[in-house]
Amino acid sequence: PQKKATLQGLLYAWLLHQKAPHAQVEVGFYHLRDLRKGIKWLTDRPLHQADLEPFTRFLQQKLAEIYDPAVPFDQTDDVKRCEYCAFRQMCQR
């Protein structure tokens, strides 16, 4: 949860690089609590395809884990995270 904005930004950059491999992508965020501070950049330079290789490996690993029938699905231990989850009725929380 602490890195969800970073994960989202890297995912968008990765998706863009799938369509435009030579694109230079800058990932930045506006934090609603600190709008006056402007954009908080993920890196100090544009991201290239090679910069996303560690994220690509991470993404492949996570997707393999999700689709591996040998890895059981476990609900989170942090029930507070379920308060706003769209799937909480499905998992009966």
PDB file of N, CA and C in Angstrom:
ATOM      1  N   PRO A   1       0.802  -1.228   0.000  1.00  0.00           N
ATOM      2  CA  PRO A   1       0.000   0.000   0.000  1.00  0.00           C
ATOM      3  C   PRO A   1       0.835   1.279   0.000  1.00  0.00           C
ATOM      4  N   GLN A   2       2.020   1.258   0.630  1.00  0.00           N
ATOM      5  CA  GLN A   2       2.826   2.469   0.683  1.00  0.00           C
ATOM      6  C   GLN A   2       3.422   2.821  -0.675  1.00  0.00           C
ATOM      7  N   LYS A   3       3.536   1.869  -1.552  1.00  0.00           N
ATOM      8  CA  LYS A   3       4.171   2.096  -2.856  1.00  0.00           C
ATOM      9  C   LYS A   3       3.186   2.018  -4.015  1.00  0.00           C
ATOM     10  N   LYS A   4       1.888   2.137  -3.733  1.00  0.00           N
ATOM     11  CA  LYS A   4       0.913   1.940  -4.797  1.00  0.00           C
ATOM     12  C   LYS A   4       1.006   2.995  -5.896  1.00  0.00           C
ATOM     13  N   ALA A   5       1.331   4.231  -5.565  1.00  0.00           N
ATOM     14  CA  ALA A   5       1.470   5.258  -6.594  1.00  0.00           C
ATOM     15  C   ALA A   5       2.689   4.964  -7.474  1.00  0.00           C
ATOM     16  N   THR A   6       3.774   4.523  -6.867  1.00  0.00           N
ATOM     17  CA  THR A   6       4.972   4.162  -7.630  1.00  0.00           C
ATOM     18  C   THR A   6       4.668   2.994  -8.554  1.00  0.00           C
ATOM     19  N   LEU A   7       3.987   1.986  -8.037  1.00  0.00           N
ATOM     20  CA  LEU A   7       3.623   0.827  -8.842  1.00  0.00           C
ATOM     21  C   LEU A   7       2.738   1.255 -10.015  1.00  0.00           C
ATOM     22  N   GLN A   8       1.779   2.105  -9.767  1.00  0.00           N
ATOM     23  CA  GLN A   8       0.882   2.578 -10.821  1.00  0.00           C
ATOM     24  C   GLN A   8       1.661   3.371 -11.877  1.00  0.00           C
ATOM     25  N   GLY A   9       2.544   4.251 -11.446  1.00  0.00           N
ATOM     26  CA  GLY A   9       3.338   5.035 -12.385  1.00  0.00           C
ATOM     27  C   GLY A   9       4.245   4.163 -13.241  1.00  0.00           C
ATOM     28  N   LEU A  10       4.884   3.176 -12.619  1.00  0.00           N
ATOM     29  CA  LEU A  10       5.743   2.263 -13.379  1.00  0.00           C
ATOM     30  C   LEU A  10       4.933   1.407 -14.342  1.00  0.00           C
ATOM     31  N   LEU A  11       3.739   1.008 -13.922  1.00  0.00           N
ATOM     32  CA  LEU A  11       2.888   0.227 -14.811  1.00  0.00           C
ATOM     33  C   LEU A  11       2.503   1.047 -16.047  1.00  0.00           C
ATOM     34  N   TYR A  12       2.143   2.312 -15.862  1.00  0.00           N
ATOM     35  CA  TYR A  12       1.806   3.171 -16.999  1.00  0.00           C
ATOM     36  C   TYR A  12       3.017   3.362 -17.915  1.00  0.00           C
ATOM     37  N   ALA A  13       4.183   3.562 -17.323  1.00  0.00           N
ATOM     38  CA  ALA A  13       5.395   3.713 -18.132  1.00  0.00           C
ATOM     39  C   ALA A  13       5.682   2.436 -18.903  1.00  0.00           C
ATOM     40  N   TRP A  14       5.526   1.297 -18.258  1.00  0.00           N
ATOM     41  CA  TRP A  14       5.755  -0.001 -18.904  1.00  0.00           C
ATOM     42  C   TRP A  14       4.780  -0.197 -20.061  1.00  0.00           C
ATOM     43  N   LEU A  15       3.499   0.131 -19.841  1.00  0.00           N
ATOM     44  CA  LEU A  15       2.496  -0.005 -20.898  1.00  0.00           C
ATOM     45  C   LEU A  15       2.826   0.892 -22.094  1.00  0.00           C
ATOM     46  N   LEU A  16       3.239   2.115 -21.823  1.00  0.00           N
ATOM     47  CA  LEU A  16       3.617   3.019 -22.909  1.00  0.00           C
ATOM     48  C   LEU A  16       4.800   2.466 -23.691  1.00  0.00           C
ATOM     49  N   HIS A  17       5.761   1.906 -22.983  1.00  0.00           N
ATOM     50  CA  HIS A  17       6.936   1.348 -23.661  1.00  0.00           C
ATOM     51  C   HIS A  17       6.590   0.112 -24.490  1.00  0.00           C
ATOM     52  N   GLN A  18       5.482  -0.549 -24.202  1.00  0.00           N
ATOM     53  CA  GLN A  18       5.057  -1.674 -25.029  1.00  0.00           C
ATOM     54  C   GLN A  18       4.620  -1.183 -26.410  1.00  0.00           C
ATOM     55  N   LYS A  19       4.048   0.000 -26.461  1.00  0.00           N
ATOM     56  CA  LYS A  19       3.598   0.587 -27.734  1.00  0.00           C
ATOM     57  C   LYS A  19       4.678   1.432 -28.401  1.00  0.00           C
ATOM     58  N   ALA A  20       5.483   2.099 -27.601  1.00  0.00           N
ATOM     59  CA  ALA A  20       6.516   2.999 -28.123  1.00  0.00           C
ATOM     60  C   ALA A  20       7.825   2.732 -27.382  1.00  0.00           C
ATOM     61  N   PRO A  21       8.565   1.674 -27.786  1.00  0.00           N
ATOM     62  CA  PRO A  21       9.753   1.251 -27.048  1.00  0.00           C
ATOM     63  C   PRO A  21      10.845   2.306 -26.882  1.00  0.00           C
ATOM     64  N   HIS A  22      10.893   3.278 -27.779  1.00  0.00           N
ATOM     65  CA  HIS A  22      11.962   4.270 -27.704  1.00  0.00           C
ATOM     66  C   HIS A  22      11.516   5.573 -27.031  1.00  0.00           C
ATOM     67  N   ALA A  23      10.308   5.564 -26.512  1.00  0.00           N
ATOM     68  CA  ALA A  23       9.788   6.775 -25.857  1.00  0.00           C
ATOM     69  C   ALA A  23      10.550   7.058 -24.560  1.00  0.00           C
ATOM     70  N   GLN A  24      10.698   8.332 -24.284  1.00  0.00           N
ATOM     71  CA  GLN A  24      11.255   8.757 -23.006  1.00  0.00           C
ATOM     72  C   GLN A  24      10.068   9.164 -22.130  1.00  0.00           C
ATOM     73  N   VAL A  25       9.923   8.482 -21.016  1.00  0.00           N
ATOM     74  CA  VAL A  25       8.758   8.676 -20.159  1.00  0.00           C
ATOM     75  C   VAL A  25       9.202   9.262 -18.827  1.00  0.00           C
ATOM     76  N   GLU A  26       8.507  10.290 -18.409  1.00  0.00           N
ATOM     77  CA  GLU A  26       8.735  10.852 -17.084  1.00  0.00           C
ATOM     78  C   GLU A  26       7.504  10.557 -16.230  1.00  0.00           C
ATOM     79  N   VAL A  27       7.735   9.969 -15.077  1.00  0.00           N
ATOM     80  CA  VAL A  27       6.643   9.604 -14.185  1.00  0.00           C
ATOM     81  C   VAL A  27       6.644  10.583 -13.012  1.00  0.00           C
ATOM     82  N   GLY A  28       5.508  11.238 -12.829  1.00  0.00           N
ATOM     83  CA  GLY A  28       5.385  12.192 -11.734  1.00  0.00           C
ATOM     84  C   GLY A  28       4.015  12.117 -11.099  1.00  0.00           C
ATOM     85  N   PHE A  29       3.922  12.613  -9.881  1.00  0.00           N
ATOM     86  CA  PHE A  29       2.692  12.539  -9.112  1.00  0.00           C
ATOM     87  C   PHE A  29       2.373  13.889  -8.490  1.00  0.00           C
ATOM     88  N   TYR A  30       1.110  14.195  -8.445  1.00  0.00           N
ATOM     89  CA  TYR A  30       0.623  15.299  -7.642  1.00  0.00           C
ATOM     90  C   TYR A  30       0.056  14.692  -6.365  1.00  0.00           C
ATOM     91  N   HIS A  31       0.527  15.146  -5.234  1.00  0.00           N
ATOM     92  CA  HIS A  31      -0.021  14.692  -3.963  1.00  0.00           C
ATOM     93  C   HIS A  31      -1.084  15.693  -3.531  1.00  0.00           C
ATOM     94  N   LEU A  32      -2.292  15.216  -3.362  1.00  0.00           N
ATOM     95  CA  LEU A  32      -3.405  16.111  -3.057  1.00  0.00           C
ATOM     96  C   LEU A  32      -3.174  16.927  -1.793  1.00  0.00           C
ATOM     97  N   ARG A  33      -2.481  16.370  -0.838  1.00  0.00           N
ATOM     98  CA  ARG A  33      -2.214  17.099   0.404  1.00  0.00           C
ATOM     99  C   ARG A  33      -1.180  18.209   0.222  1.00  0.00           C
ATOM    100  N   ASP A  34      -0.369  18.077  -0.823  1.00  0.00           N
ATOM    101  CA  ASP A  34       0.716  19.040  -1.051  1.00  0.00           C
ATOM    102  C   ASP A  34       0.701  19.561  -2.483  1.00  0.00           C
ATOM    103  N   LEU A  35      -0.430  19.987  -2.971  1.00  0.00           N
ATOM    104  CA  LEU A  35      -0.511  20.469  -4.351  1.00  0.00           C
ATOM    105  C   LEU A  35       0.421  21.644  -4.615  1.00  0.00           C
ATOM    106  N   ARG A  36       0.628  22.462  -3.618  1.00  0.00           N
ATOM    107  CA  ARG A  36       1.503  23.642  -3.805  1.00  0.00           C
ATOM    108  C   ARG A  36       2.946  23.258  -4.102  1.00  0.00           C
ATOM    109  N   LYS A  37       3.341  22.056  -3.692  1.00  0.00           N
ATOM    110  CA  LYS A  37       4.710  21.609  -3.935  1.00  0.00           C
ATOM    111  C   LYS A  37       4.928  21.161  -5.376  1.00  0.00           C
ATOM    112  N   GLY A  38       3.837  21.025  -6.137  1.00  0.00           N
ATOM    113  CA  GLY A  38       3.968  20.639  -7.543  1.00  0.00           C
ATOM    114  C   GLY A  38       4.168  19.148  -7.712  1.00  0.00           C
ATOM    115  N   ILE A  39       4.716  18.795  -8.850  1.00  0.00           N
ATOM    116  CA  ILE A  39       4.896  17.385  -9.209  1.00  0.00           C
ATOM    117  C   ILE A  39       6.081  16.797  -8.452  1.00  0.00           C
ATOM    118  N   LYS A  40       5.874  15.607  -7.920  1.00  0.00           N
ATOM    119  CA  LYS A  40       6.971  14.837  -7.319  1.00  0.00           C
ATOM    120  C   LYS A  40       7.370  13.784  -8.347  1.00  0.00           C
ATOM    121  N   TRP A  41       8.552  13.928  -8.897  1.00  0.00           N
ATOM    122  CA  TRP A  41       9.023  13.034  -9.956  1.00  0.00           C
ATOM    123  C   TRP A  41       9.564  11.746  -9.370  1.00  0.00           C
ATOM    124  N   LEU A  42       9.289  10.638 -10.035  1.00  0.00           N
ATOM    125  CA  LEU A  42       9.775   9.342  -9.591  1.00  0.00           C
ATOM    126  C   LEU A  42      11.292   9.254  -9.746  1.00  0.00           C
ATOM    127  N   THR A  43      11.807   9.793 -10.839  1.00  0.00           N
ATOM    128  CA  THR A  43      13.255   9.806 -11.080  1.00  0.00           C
ATOM    129  C   THR A  43      13.654  11.196 -11.545  1.00  0.00           C
ATOM    130  N   ASP A  44      14.947  11.449 -11.567  1.00  0.00           N
ATOM    131  CA  ASP A  44      15.429  12.768 -11.981  1.00  0.00           C
ATOM    132  C   ASP A  44      15.691  12.859 -13.485  1.00  0.00           C
ATOM    133  N   ARG A  45      15.320  11.804 -14.213  1.00  0.00           N
ATOM    134  CA  ARG A  45      15.489  11.786 -15.672  1.00  0.00           C
ATOM    135  C   ARG A  45      14.410  10.904 -16.279  1.00  0.00           C
ATOM    136  N   PRO A  46      14.185  11.016 -17.587  1.00  0.00           N
ATOM    137  CA  PRO A  46      13.187  10.148 -18.238  1.00  0.00           C
ATOM    138  C   PRO A  46      13.572   8.673 -18.129  1.00  0.00           C
ATOM    139  N   LEU A  47      12.550   7.831 -18.091  1.00  0.00           N
ATOM    140  CA  LEU A  47      12.767   6.389 -18.050  1.00  0.00           C
ATOM    141  C   LEU A  47      12.852   5.839 -19.464  1.00  0.00           C
ATOM    142  N   HIS A  48      13.780   4.933 -19.671  1.00  0.00           N
ATOM    143  CA  HIS A  48      13.931   4.249 -20.952  1.00  0.00           C
ATOM    144  C   HIS A  48      13.549   2.785 -20.758  1.00  0.00           C
ATOM    145  N   GLN A  49      13.454   2.052 -21.842  1.00  0.00           N
ATOM    146  CA  GLN A  49      13.093   0.637 -21.792  1.00  0.00           C
ATOM    147  C   GLN A  49      13.979  -0.134 -20.811  1.00  0.00           C
ATOM    148  N   ALA A  50      15.285   0.102 -20.847  1.00  0.00           N
ATOM    149  CA  ALA A  50      16.214  -0.619 -19.962  1.00  0.00           C
ATOM    150  C   ALA A  50      15.961  -0.303 -18.490  1.00  0.00           C
ATOM    151  N   ASP A  51      15.491   0.886 -18.196  1.00  0.00           N
ATOM    152  CA  ASP A  51      15.198   1.256 -16.810  1.00  0.00           C
ATOM    153  C   ASP A  51      14.034   0.442 -16.242  1.00  0.00           C
ATOM    154  N   LEU A  52      13.192  -0.053 -17.118  1.00  0.00           N
ATOM    155  CA  LEU A  52      12.000  -0.778 -16.682  1.00  0.00           C
ATOM    156  C   LEU A  52      12.214  -2.284 -16.582  1.00  0.00           C
ATOM    157  N   GLU A  53      13.408  -2.765 -16.883  1.00  0.00           N
ATOM    158  CA  GLU A  53      13.672  -4.206 -16.810  1.00  0.00           C
ATOM    159  C   GLU A  53      13.426  -4.784 -15.412  1.00  0.00           C
ATOM    160  N   PRO A  54      13.886  -4.155 -14.322  1.00  0.00           N
ATOM    161  CA  PRO A  54      13.579  -4.710 -12.993  1.00  0.00           C
ATOM    162  C   PRO A  54      12.073  -4.759 -12.716  1.00  0.00           C
ATOM    163  N   PHE A  55      11.346  -3.736 -13.162  1.00  0.00           N
ATOM    164  CA  PHE A  55       9.899  -3.734 -12.984  1.00  0.00           C
ATOM    165  C   PHE A  55       9.259  -4.849 -13.816  1.00  0.00           C
ATOM    166  N   THR A  56       9.764  -5.075 -15.027  1.00  0.00           N
ATOM    167  CA  THR A  56       9.245  -6.136 -15.884  1.00  0.00           C
ATOM    168  C   THR A  56       9.415  -7.492 -15.201  1.00  0.00           C
ATOM    169  N   ARG A  57      10.577  -7.741 -14.619  1.00  0.00           N
ATOM    170  CA  ARG A  57      10.811  -9.008 -13.910  1.00  0.00           C
ATOM    171  C   ARG A  57       9.879  -9.126 -12.701  1.00  0.00           C
ATOM    172  N   PHE A  58       9.709  -8.040 -11.950  1.00  0.00           N
ATOM    173  CA  PHE A  58       8.798  -8.022 -10.808  1.00  0.00           C
ATOM    174  C   PHE A  58       7.374  -8.343 -11.259  1.00  0.00           C
ATOM    175  N   LEU A  59       6.928  -7.708 -12.332  1.00  0.00           N
ATOM    176  CA  LEU A  59       5.579  -7.917 -12.845  1.00  0.00           C
ATOM    177  C   LEU A  59       5.381  -9.364 -13.294  1.00  0.00           C
ATOM    178  N   GLN A  60       6.347  -9.911 -13.992  1.00  0.00           N
ATOM    179  CA  GLN A  60       6.264 -11.307 -14.431  1.00  0.00           C
ATOM    180  C   GLN A  60       6.182 -12.249 -13.234  1.00  0.00           C
ATOM    181  N   GLN A  61       6.985 -11.973 -12.210  1.00  0.00           N
ATOM    182  CA  GLN A  61       6.995 -12.810 -11.009  1.00  0.00           C
ATOM    183  C   GLN A  61       5.641 -12.760 -10.305  1.00  0.00           C
ATOM    184  N   LYS A  62       5.081 -11.571 -10.151  1.00  0.00           N
ATOM    185  CA  LYS A  62       3.798 -11.427  -9.463  1.00  0.00           C
ATOM    186  C   LYS A  62       2.669 -12.087 -10.238  1.00  0.00           C
ATOM    187  N   LEU A  63       2.659 -11.915 -11.560  1.00  0.00           N
ATOM    188  CA  LEU A  63       1.618 -12.541 -12.376  1.00  0.00           C
ATOM    189  C   LEU A  63       1.738 -14.062 -12.348  1.00  0.00           C
ATOM    190  N   ALA A  64       2.963 -14.573 -12.372  1.00  0.00           N
ATOM    191  CA  ALA A  64       3.154 -16.023 -12.283  1.00  0.00           C
ATOM    192  C   ALA A  64       2.639 -16.543 -10.941  1.00  0.00           C
ATOM    193  N   GLU A  65       2.882 -15.788  -9.887  1.00  0.00           N
ATOM    194  CA  GLU A  65       2.405 -16.180  -8.553  1.00  0.00           C
ATOM    195  C   GLU A  65       0.873 -16.165  -8.496  1.00  0.00           C
ATOM    196  N   ILE A  66       0.257 -15.142  -9.069  1.00  0.00           N
ATOM    197  CA  ILE A  66      -1.206 -15.034  -9.063  1.00  0.00           C
ATOM    198  C   ILE A  66      -1.841 -16.207  -9.802  1.00  0.00           C
ATOM    199  N   TYR A  67      -1.269 -16.600 -10.930  1.00  0.00           N
ATOM    200  CA  TYR A  67      -1.849 -17.655 -11.749  1.00  0.00           C
ATOM    201  C   TYR A  67      -1.350 -19.053 -11.418  1.00  0.00           C
ATOM    202  N   ASP A  68      -0.504 -19.177 -10.411  1.00  0.00           N
ATOM    203  CA  ASP A  68       0.012 -20.488 -10.015  1.00  0.00           C
ATOM    204  C   ASP A  68      -1.010 -21.186  -9.129  1.00  0.00           C
ATOM    205  N   PRO A  69      -1.602 -22.287  -9.600  1.00  0.00           N
ATOM    206  CA  PRO A  69      -2.603 -22.968  -8.783  1.00  0.00           C
ATOM    207  C   PRO A  69      -2.035 -23.567  -7.499  1.00  0.00           C
ATOM    208  N   ALA A  70      -0.720 -23.719  -7.425  1.00  0.00           N
ATOM    209  CA  ALA A  70      -0.105 -24.277  -6.223  1.00  0.00           C
ATOM    210  C   ALA A  70       0.018 -23.238  -5.101  1.00  0.00           C
ATOM    211  N   VAL A  71      -0.151 -21.964  -5.434  1.00  0.00           N
ATOM    212  CA  VAL A  71      -0.062 -20.900  -4.424  1.00  0.00           C
ATOM    213  C   VAL A  71      -1.485 -20.553  -3.986  1.00  0.00           C
ATOM    214  N   PRO A  72      -1.819 -20.841  -2.732  1.00  0.00           N
ATOM    215  CA  PRO A  72      -3.188 -20.573  -2.281  1.00  0.00           C
ATOM    216  C   PRO A  72      -3.463 -19.081  -2.145  1.00  0.00           C
ATOM    217  N   PHE A  73      -4.716 -18.724  -2.352  1.00  0.00           N
ATOM    218  CA  PHE A  73      -5.148 -17.345  -2.158  1.00  0.00           C
ATOM    219  C   PHE A  73      -5.398 -17.131  -0.672  1.00  0.00           C
ATOM    220  N   ASP A  74      -4.795 -16.094  -0.124  1.00  0.00           N
ATOM    221  CA  ASP A  74      -4.992 -15.749   1.286  1.00  0.00           C
ATOM    222  C   ASP A  74      -5.538 -14.339   1.374  1.00  0.00           C
ATOM    223  N   GLN A  75      -6.540 -14.166   2.214  1.00  0.00           N
ATOM    224  CA  GLN A  75      -7.054 -12.833   2.466  1.00  0.00           C
ATOM    225  C   GLN A  75      -6.040 -12.061   3.306  1.00  0.00           C
ATOM    226  N   THR A  76      -6.110 -10.755   3.214  1.00  0.00           N
ATOM    227  CA  THR A  76      -5.220  -9.919   4.001  1.00  0.00           C
ATOM    228  C   THR A  76      -5.521 -10.070   5.488  1.00  0.00           C
ATOM    229  N   ASP A  77      -4.502  -9.927   6.293  1.00  0.00           N
ATOM    230  CA  ASP A  77      -4.687  -9.943   7.747  1.00  0.00           C
ATOM    231  C   ASP A  77      -5.155  -8.583   8.242  1.00  0.00           C
ATOM    232  N   ASP A  78      -4.954  -7.555   7.440  1.00  0.00           N
ATOM    233  CA  ASP A  78      -5.321  -6.187   7.809  1.00  0.00           C
ATOM    234  C   ASP A  78      -6.758  -5.916   7.340  1.00  0.00           C
ATOM    235  N   VAL A  79      -7.717  -6.206   8.201  1.00  0.00           N
ATOM    236  CA  VAL A  79      -9.135  -6.088   7.849  1.00  0.00           C
ATOM    237  C   VAL A  79      -9.509  -4.646   7.511  1.00  0.00           C
ATOM    238  N   LYS A  80      -8.780  -3.684   8.036  1.00  0.00           N
ATOM    239  CA  LYS A  80      -9.070  -2.280   7.736  1.00  0.00           C
ATOM    240  C   LYS A  80      -8.941  -1.990   6.235  1.00  0.00           C
ATOM    241  N   ARG A  81      -8.053  -2.700   5.569  1.00  0.00           N
ATOM    242  CA  ARG A  81      -7.880  -2.511   4.123  1.00  0.00           C
ATOM    243  C   ARG A  81      -9.111  -2.941   3.347  1.00  0.00           C
ATOM    244  N   CYS A  82      -9.976  -3.739   3.961  1.00  0.00           N
ATOM    245  CA  CYS A  82     -11.177  -4.247   3.295  1.00  0.00           C
ATOM    246  C   CYS A  82     -12.331  -3.243   3.308  1.00  0.00           C
ATOM    247  N   GLU A  83     -12.236  -2.196   4.094  1.00  0.00           N
ATOM    248  CA  GLU A  83     -13.347  -1.257   4.262  1.00  0.00           C
ATOM    249  C   GLU A  83     -13.852  -0.685   2.944  1.00  0.00           C
ATOM    250  N   TYR A  84     -12.958  -0.371   2.034  1.00  0.00           N
ATOM    251  CA  TYR A  84     -13.335   0.265   0.777  1.00  0.00           C
ATOM    252  C   TYR A  84     -13.110  -0.637  -0.434  1.00  0.00           C
ATOM    253  N   CYS A  85     -12.877  -1.910  -0.187  1.00  0.00           N
ATOM    254  CA  CYS A  85     -12.616  -2.850  -1.279  1.00  0.00           C
ATOM    255  C   CYS A  85     -13.909  -3.205  -2.004  1.00  0.00           C
ATOM    256  N   ALA A  86     -13.876  -3.150  -3.311  1.00  0.00           N
ATOM    257  CA  ALA A  86     -15.059  -3.467  -4.124  1.00  0.00           C
ATOM    258  C   ALA A  86     -15.402  -4.961  -4.076  1.00  0.00           C
ATOM    259  N   PHE A  87     -14.479  -5.783  -3.629  1.00  0.00           N
ATOM    260  CA  PHE A  87     -14.677  -7.228  -3.616  1.00  0.00           C
ATOM    261  C   PHE A  87     -14.964  -7.785  -2.228  1.00  0.00           C
ATOM    262  N   ARG A  88     -15.176  -6.943  -1.255  1.00  0.00           N
ATOM    263  CA  ARG A  88     -15.303  -7.433   0.130  1.00  0.00           C
ATOM    264  C   ARG A  88     -16.513  -8.342   0.320  1.00  0.00           C
ATOM    265  N   GLN A  89     -17.581  -8.133  -0.422  1.00  0.00           N
ATOM    266  CA  GLN A  89     -18.730  -9.031  -0.293  1.00  0.00           C
ATOM    267  C   GLN A  89     -18.414 -10.404  -0.882  1.00  0.00           C
ATOM    268  N   MET A  90     -17.630 -10.423  -1.932  1.00  0.00           N
ATOM    269  CA  MET A  90     -17.266 -11.682  -2.559  1.00  0.00           C
ATOM    270  C   MET A  90     -16.457 -12.560  -1.604  1.00  0.00           C
ATOM    271  N   CYS A  91     -15.554 -11.943  -0.854  1.00  0.00           N
ATOM    272  CA  CYS A  91     -14.739 -12.717   0.071  1.00  0.00           C
ATOM    273  C   CYS A  91     -15.350 -12.713   1.477  1.00  0.00           C
ATOM    274  N   GLN A  92     -16.544 -12.136   1.597  1.00  0.00           N
ATOM    275  CA  GLN A  92     -17.336 -12.163   2.821  1.00  0.00           C
ATOM    276  C   GLN A  92     -16.656 -11.468   3.986  1.00  0.00           C
ATOM    277  N   ARG A  93     -16.148 -10.294   3.705  1.00  0.00           N
ATOM    278  CA  ARG A  93     -15.581  -9.481   4.782  1.00  0.00           C
ATOM    279  C   ARG A  93     -16.482  -8.323   5.061  1.00  0.00           C
TER     280      ARG A  93
END
